[in-house]
Protein backbone atom coordinates (compact mmCIF):
# COMPACT_ATOMS: atom_id res chain seq x y z
CA MET A 1 52.43 10.06 -26.30
CA SER A 2 48.67 9.68 -25.79
CA GLY A 3 46.67 9.16 -22.61
CA CYS A 4 46.46 10.78 -19.25
CA LEU A 5 49.77 11.82 -17.69
CA HIS A 6 48.57 12.05 -14.10
CA PRO A 7 46.55 9.33 -12.30
CA THR A 8 44.45 11.83 -10.33
CA ALA A 9 43.63 13.75 -13.47
CA CYS A 10 42.63 10.48 -15.15
CA ARG A 11 40.23 9.64 -12.34
CA LEU A 12 38.70 13.11 -12.44
CA CYS A 13 38.28 12.91 -16.20
CA ALA A 14 36.63 9.49 -15.92
CA ALA A 15 34.26 10.70 -13.20
CA ALA A 16 33.34 13.73 -15.30
CA LEU A 17 32.64 11.55 -18.34
CA ILE A 18 30.44 9.20 -16.30
CA ALA A 19 28.52 12.12 -14.79
CA THR A 20 28.05 13.69 -18.22
CA ALA A 21 26.82 10.41 -19.71
CA SER A 22 24.44 9.87 -16.78
CA HIS A 23 23.03 13.36 -17.11
CA ALA A 24 22.60 12.97 -20.87
CA ALA A 25 20.78 9.65 -20.39
CA ALA A 26 18.45 11.20 -17.80
CA GLN A 27 17.75 14.14 -20.11
CA SER A 28 16.66 11.81 -22.92
CA TYR A 29 14.77 9.39 -20.64
CA PRO A 30 12.51 7.70 -21.54
CA VAL A 31 13.26 6.50 -25.06
CA LYS A 32 11.02 3.42 -24.96
CA SER A 33 7.96 2.08 -23.17
CA ILE A 34 7.95 1.55 -19.39
CA ARG A 35 6.35 -1.39 -17.63
CA MET A 36 4.65 -0.87 -14.31
CA ILE A 37 4.36 -4.16 -12.45
CA VAL A 38 1.28 -4.63 -10.29
CA PRO A 39 1.80 -7.60 -7.93
CA SER A 40 -1.91 -8.46 -7.78
CA THR A 41 -4.74 -9.55 -10.05
CA PRO A 42 -6.51 -7.12 -12.44
CA GLY A 43 -9.49 -5.19 -11.16
CA GLY A 44 -8.45 -4.59 -7.56
CA SER A 45 -7.73 -1.24 -5.93
CA VAL A 46 -3.97 -1.33 -6.60
CA ASP A 47 -4.54 -2.29 -10.26
CA THR A 48 -7.08 0.51 -10.71
CA LEU A 49 -4.72 3.06 -9.18
CA ALA A 50 -1.77 1.85 -11.27
CA ARG A 51 -3.74 2.19 -14.51
CA LEU A 52 -4.88 5.67 -13.56
CA VAL A 53 -1.31 6.81 -12.84
CA ALA A 54 0.09 4.98 -15.89
CA GLN A 55 -2.35 6.78 -18.18
CA LYS A 56 -1.26 10.19 -16.89
CA MET A 57 2.44 9.31 -17.00
CA THR A 58 2.12 8.08 -20.58
CA ALA A 59 0.84 11.50 -21.60
CA SER A 60 3.50 13.46 -19.72
CA LEU A 61 6.52 11.24 -20.50
CA GLY A 62 5.72 10.73 -24.16
CA GLN A 63 6.21 6.96 -23.89
CA GLN A 64 3.70 4.23 -23.14
CA VAL A 65 3.55 3.13 -19.49
CA VAL A 66 2.18 -0.41 -19.63
CA VAL A 67 0.65 -2.08 -16.56
CA GLU A 68 1.70 -5.71 -16.15
CA ASN A 69 -0.09 -7.85 -13.56
CA ARG A 70 2.16 -10.41 -11.82
CA SER A 71 0.09 -11.80 -8.96
CA GLY A 72 0.91 -14.56 -6.51
CA SER A 73 2.01 -15.23 -2.92
CA GLY A 74 0.54 -12.03 -1.50
CA GLY A 75 2.48 -9.79 -3.85
CA VAL A 76 5.81 -11.60 -3.58
CA VAL A 77 5.89 -12.89 -7.18
CA GLY A 78 5.53 -9.52 -8.88
CA THR A 79 7.75 -7.78 -6.36
CA GLU A 80 10.56 -10.25 -7.03
CA VAL A 81 10.31 -9.61 -10.78
CA ALA A 82 10.67 -5.87 -10.19
CA ALA A 83 13.53 -6.30 -7.71
CA LYS A 84 15.56 -8.34 -10.20
CA SER A 85 14.92 -6.08 -13.19
CA ALA A 86 17.52 -3.74 -14.68
CA PRO A 87 17.80 -0.44 -12.75
CA ASP A 88 17.28 1.66 -15.88
CA GLY A 89 13.91 3.26 -15.17
CA TYR A 90 12.01 0.98 -17.56
CA THR A 91 10.58 -1.33 -14.88
CA LEU A 92 8.57 0.09 -11.98
CA LEU A 93 6.57 -1.48 -9.17
CA MET A 94 3.23 -0.26 -7.85
CA ALA A 95 3.47 -1.78 -4.37
CA TYR A 96 0.70 -1.81 -1.77
CA GLY A 97 0.16 -2.73 1.86
CA SER A 98 1.58 -6.24 1.56
CA HIS A 99 4.97 -4.71 0.72
CA VAL A 100 5.46 -3.61 4.33
CA ILE A 101 3.72 -6.66 5.86
CA ASN A 102 5.53 -9.45 3.99
CA PRO A 103 9.01 -8.94 5.51
CA THR A 104 7.64 -10.21 8.84
CA LEU A 105 4.90 -12.47 7.49
CA TYR A 106 7.23 -14.61 5.36
CA PRO A 107 10.19 -16.39 6.98
CA LYS A 108 12.28 -15.61 3.89
CA LEU A 109 11.71 -13.41 0.83
CA PRO A 110 13.56 -13.67 -2.50
CA TYR A 111 14.42 -9.96 -2.26
CA ASP A 112 15.22 -7.33 0.36
CA THR A 113 12.27 -4.97 0.85
CA VAL A 114 14.54 -1.99 1.58
CA LYS A 115 17.87 -2.66 -0.15
CA ASP A 116 16.46 -3.88 -3.47
CA PHE A 117 14.26 -0.85 -4.19
CA ALA A 118 14.59 2.86 -4.84
CA PRO A 119 11.45 4.65 -3.58
CA ILE A 120 9.91 7.12 -6.02
CA THR A 121 6.83 8.29 -4.13
CA GLN A 122 3.98 7.27 -1.87
CA VAL A 123 1.12 7.47 -4.34
CA ALA A 124 -1.98 7.33 -2.13
CA VAL A 125 -3.45 6.20 1.16
CA GLN A 126 -6.82 4.58 1.68
CA PRO A 127 -8.56 4.08 5.03
CA LEU A 128 -10.39 0.97 6.14
CA LEU A 129 -13.85 0.75 7.67
CA VAL A 130 -14.83 -1.22 10.77
CA ASN A 131 -17.96 -3.15 9.74
CA VAL A 132 -20.23 -5.07 12.10
CA HIS A 133 -23.25 -7.20 11.38
CA PRO A 134 -26.48 -5.37 12.36
CA ALA A 135 -27.33 -8.16 14.80
CA LEU A 136 -24.29 -7.27 16.90
CA PRO A 137 -25.52 -4.82 19.56
CA VAL A 138 -22.84 -2.18 19.05
CA LYS A 139 -22.95 1.17 17.27
CA SER A 140 -19.54 2.53 18.22
CA VAL A 141 -15.99 1.45 18.93
CA LYS A 142 -16.56 2.16 22.62
CA GLU A 143 -19.49 -0.26 22.68
CA LEU A 144 -17.52 -2.84 20.67
CA ILE A 145 -14.63 -2.71 23.14
CA ALA A 146 -17.00 -3.02 26.11
CA LEU A 147 -18.71 -6.06 24.57
CA ALA A 148 -15.38 -7.69 23.66
CA ARG A 149 -14.14 -7.21 27.23
CA ALA A 150 -17.34 -8.71 28.62
CA ARG A 151 -17.11 -11.67 26.23
CA PRO A 152 -13.37 -12.29 25.63
CA GLY A 153 -12.70 -14.46 22.59
CA GLU A 154 -16.40 -14.85 21.75
CA LEU A 155 -16.62 -12.19 19.03
CA ASN A 156 -15.49 -13.53 15.66
CA TYR A 157 -13.96 -11.29 13.00
CA ALA A 158 -13.46 -12.19 9.35
CA SER A 159 -10.53 -11.32 7.10
CA ALA A 160 -9.35 -11.92 3.56
CA GLY A 161 -6.66 -14.23 4.94
CA SER A 162 -3.95 -14.61 7.52
CA GLY A 163 -1.64 -11.62 7.37
CA SER A 164 -4.01 -9.52 5.28
CA GLY A 165 -4.46 -5.82 6.05
CA GLY A 166 -7.87 -6.37 7.63
CA HIS A 167 -6.56 -9.18 9.82
CA LEU A 168 -3.65 -7.14 11.14
CA ALA A 169 -5.71 -3.95 11.49
CA THR A 170 -8.00 -5.88 13.83
CA GLU A 171 -5.05 -7.34 15.73
CA ILE A 172 -3.67 -3.83 16.24
CA LEU A 173 -7.08 -2.87 17.66
CA ASN A 174 -6.96 -5.94 19.91
CA MET A 175 -3.52 -4.92 21.20
CA MET A 176 -4.23 -1.22 21.69
CA ALA A 177 -7.66 -1.70 23.28
CA GLY A 178 -6.63 -4.67 25.42
CA ILE A 179 -9.32 -6.97 24.03
CA LYS A 180 -9.46 -10.40 22.42
CA MET A 181 -11.54 -11.16 19.32
CA THR A 182 -11.18 -14.43 17.41
CA HIS A 183 -9.87 -14.44 13.85
CA VAL A 184 -11.70 -16.33 11.09
CA PRO A 185 -9.54 -16.22 7.93
CA TYR A 186 -10.96 -16.68 4.43
CA ARG A 187 -9.36 -17.00 1.01
CA GLY A 188 -10.16 -13.53 -0.22
CA SER A 189 -12.34 -10.61 0.78
CA ALA A 190 -15.41 -11.72 -1.25
CA PRO A 191 -16.16 -14.94 0.69
CA ALA A 192 -15.30 -13.19 3.96
CA MET A 193 -17.75 -10.38 3.22
CA PHE A 194 -20.40 -12.90 2.14
CA ASP A 195 -20.23 -14.69 5.48
CA LEU A 196 -20.24 -11.41 7.41
CA VAL A 197 -23.37 -10.22 5.60
CA ALA A 198 -24.96 -13.63 6.30
CA GLY A 199 -24.21 -13.20 10.00
CA ASN A 200 -21.78 -16.11 10.24
CA THR A 201 -19.14 -13.73 11.59
CA GLN A 202 -19.66 -10.48 13.44
CA LEU A 203 -16.95 -8.03 12.40
CA MET A 204 -14.63 -7.21 9.52
CA ILE A 205 -12.25 -4.36 8.77
CA LEU A 206 -12.06 -3.76 5.04
CA THR A 207 -11.39 -0.96 2.55
CA LEU A 208 -13.91 1.83 2.51
CA ILE A 209 -14.80 1.42 -1.15
CA THR A 210 -15.56 -2.30 -0.71
CA SER A 211 -17.56 -1.80 2.47
CA LEU A 212 -19.76 1.15 1.53
CA PRO A 213 -22.31 -0.62 -0.74
CA HIS A 214 -23.14 -3.04 2.08
CA VAL A 215 -23.31 -0.28 4.68
CA ARG A 216 -25.55 1.90 2.55
CA SER A 217 -27.89 -1.01 1.85
CA GLY A 218 -28.21 -1.68 5.59
CA ARG A 219 -26.67 -5.16 5.37
CA LEU A 220 -23.76 -3.98 7.52
CA ARG A 221 -23.12 -1.18 10.01
CA GLY A 222 -20.00 0.93 9.58
CA ILE A 223 -18.96 2.13 13.04
CA ALA A 224 -15.52 3.70 12.52
CA ILE A 225 -12.87 4.67 10.01
CA THR A 226 -9.26 3.63 10.59
CA SER A 227 -7.49 6.77 9.34
CA ALA A 228 -6.28 9.55 11.64
CA THR A 229 -9.01 11.92 10.42
CA ARG A 230 -12.55 11.40 9.27
CA SER A 231 -13.17 10.65 5.61
CA PRO A 232 -15.06 13.20 3.48
CA VAL A 233 -16.79 10.22 1.87
CA VAL A 234 -18.46 9.36 5.21
CA PRO A 235 -17.91 12.42 7.42
CA GLU A 236 -20.49 11.21 9.92
CA VAL A 237 -18.43 8.11 10.76
CA PRO A 238 -15.92 8.72 13.60
CA THR A 239 -12.35 7.45 13.58
CA VAL A 240 -11.19 4.55 15.72
CA GLY A 241 -8.61 6.97 17.14
CA GLU A 242 -11.36 9.12 18.66
CA THR A 243 -11.84 6.24 21.10
CA VAL A 244 -8.50 4.41 21.00
CA ARG A 245 -5.89 7.15 21.08
CA GLY A 246 -3.09 6.73 18.57
CA TYR A 247 -4.83 4.13 16.43
CA GLU A 248 -4.24 4.76 12.73
CA VAL A 249 -4.21 2.16 9.98
CA VAL A 250 -4.32 2.94 6.27
CA VAL A 251 -3.56 1.00 3.11
CA SER A 252 -0.66 2.67 1.31
CA TYR A 253 0.41 2.48 -2.31
CA PHE A 254 4.03 3.11 -3.36
CA LEU A 255 5.75 3.57 -6.69
CA LEU A 256 9.20 1.97 -6.56
CA ALA A 257 12.09 1.29 -8.95
CA PRO A 258 14.83 -1.32 -8.70
CA ALA A 259 17.75 -0.32 -6.48
CA ARG A 260 20.57 1.59 -8.17
CA THR A 261 18.20 3.37 -10.54
CA SER A 262 19.86 6.75 -11.12
CA HIS A 263 18.91 9.72 -8.98
CA GLU A 264 18.07 11.70 -12.13
CA VAL A 265 15.60 9.10 -13.38
CA VAL A 266 14.00 8.69 -9.94
CA SER A 267 13.62 12.48 -9.69
CA ARG A 268 11.98 12.63 -13.12
CA LEU A 269 9.55 9.85 -12.26
CA HIS A 270 8.73 11.46 -8.92
CA ALA A 271 8.01 14.82 -10.56
CA GLU A 272 5.73 13.28 -13.19
CA THR A 273 3.85 11.12 -10.69
CA ALA A 274 3.37 14.00 -8.24
CA LYS A 275 2.07 16.16 -11.09
CA ALA A 276 -0.38 13.44 -12.14
CA LEU A 277 -1.70 13.11 -8.58
CA LYS A 278 -2.61 16.82 -8.53
CA GLN A 279 -4.79 16.68 -11.62
CA PRO A 280 -8.47 17.31 -10.74
CA ASP A 281 -9.82 14.18 -12.42
CA VAL A 282 -7.31 12.01 -10.55
CA VAL A 283 -8.12 13.65 -7.21
CA GLU A 284 -11.85 13.20 -7.92
CA ARG A 285 -11.46 9.54 -8.88
CA LEU A 286 -9.40 8.75 -5.78
CA ALA A 287 -11.92 10.57 -3.59
CA ARG A 288 -14.72 8.36 -4.94
CA ASP A 289 -12.74 5.37 -3.71
CA GLY A 290 -12.13 7.00 -0.33
CA ALA A 291 -8.42 7.44 -1.10
CA ASP A 292 -6.17 10.49 -0.78
CA PRO A 293 -3.27 11.29 -3.15
CA VAL A 294 0.14 11.84 -1.54
CA GLY A 295 3.06 12.36 -3.94
CA ASN A 296 5.76 12.88 -1.30
CA THR A 297 9.52 12.79 -1.92
CA PRO A 298 11.60 9.62 -2.34
CA GLU A 299 13.25 10.32 1.02
CA GLN A 300 9.91 10.75 2.79
CA THR A 301 8.64 7.57 1.15
CA ALA A 302 11.66 5.61 2.37
CA ARG A 303 11.08 6.78 5.95
CA TYR A 304 7.37 6.00 5.74
CA ILE A 305 8.04 2.47 4.47
CA ALA A 306 10.52 1.87 7.31
CA ASP A 307 8.01 3.07 9.92
CA GLU A 308 5.19 0.97 8.42
CA MET A 309 7.38 -2.14 8.43
CA VAL A 310 7.89 -1.70 12.18
CA LYS A 311 4.19 -1.12 12.89
CA TRP A 312 2.90 -4.01 10.79
CA GLY A 313 5.74 -6.24 11.97
CA LYS A 314 4.58 -5.88 15.57
CA ALA A 315 1.03 -6.81 14.54
CA VAL A 316 2.23 -9.88 12.62
CA LYS A 317 4.29 -11.11 15.57
CA ALA A 318 1.51 -10.46 18.09
CA SER A 319 -1.06 -12.27 15.97
CA GLY A 320 1.19 -15.22 15.17
CA ALA A 321 0.21 -14.86 11.51
CA ARG A 322 2.10 -16.86 8.91
CA ALA A 323 1.84 -16.83 5.13
CA ASP A 324 -0.82 -19.20 3.83
């Protein structure tokens, strides 16, 4: 008579076989190319970072990591594609700041930001810069706050759109400093920056790498950095937190996999990504863009995402922002 004679023994045997198969699959992973979805257009900061990481992972994994841009709806389109992909380690998502903003910004998403993803690592963080037009008579956050209190609602700040990082970073400043500045949304950072340089608006919070050329040319004045510590790229520029205690806003980038991707595959991807982020040429390239590599654990990344969703969610609700 064949088969298992005892039900408990059968279950144990089955569990052992599954565990062995899972381990064997993880040991051989990857056996084909991996696609890394970037939910934005080519050429931006998240795309540049993804291609840098993909190049290093291709070399270390022995299989091509191909970046695939799926832009639309503030990152929702590409994120949905990743969320609904097979949890086999062959589809990854390079998420960015919108990932933690969209759950509150959109009334309904076609995926669950937490339940539908397995965090691999927080790849990098990038601070923003508070830029003012030179005609505005302020050279510090303290002076900006004083002027905004003296002229409530009269100072206009530009952003790349309703619910964008720059919009919400300014709303967080409004809340924490007890001031009111008026939002002027644009369709993208380029037209917003153009109008700021022209003097049609007075303030804009934008990524350091995008702001610096205008600051160094004298077309704008950079008065503060939004990270908790000063940036080595502009060490002379103070942080907003030096005036407004507790203020810290950074753009984060996360590498995620679809939920139910095996622990072994996630661990392998985390190890390879963390190793890539320590390579001198990667550190140097990120530093040029004012970004810092992270490479923390999947568990730390999950906690960070949860905390960021709360922080940005408060800013979205306070601002009344809705998806365009």
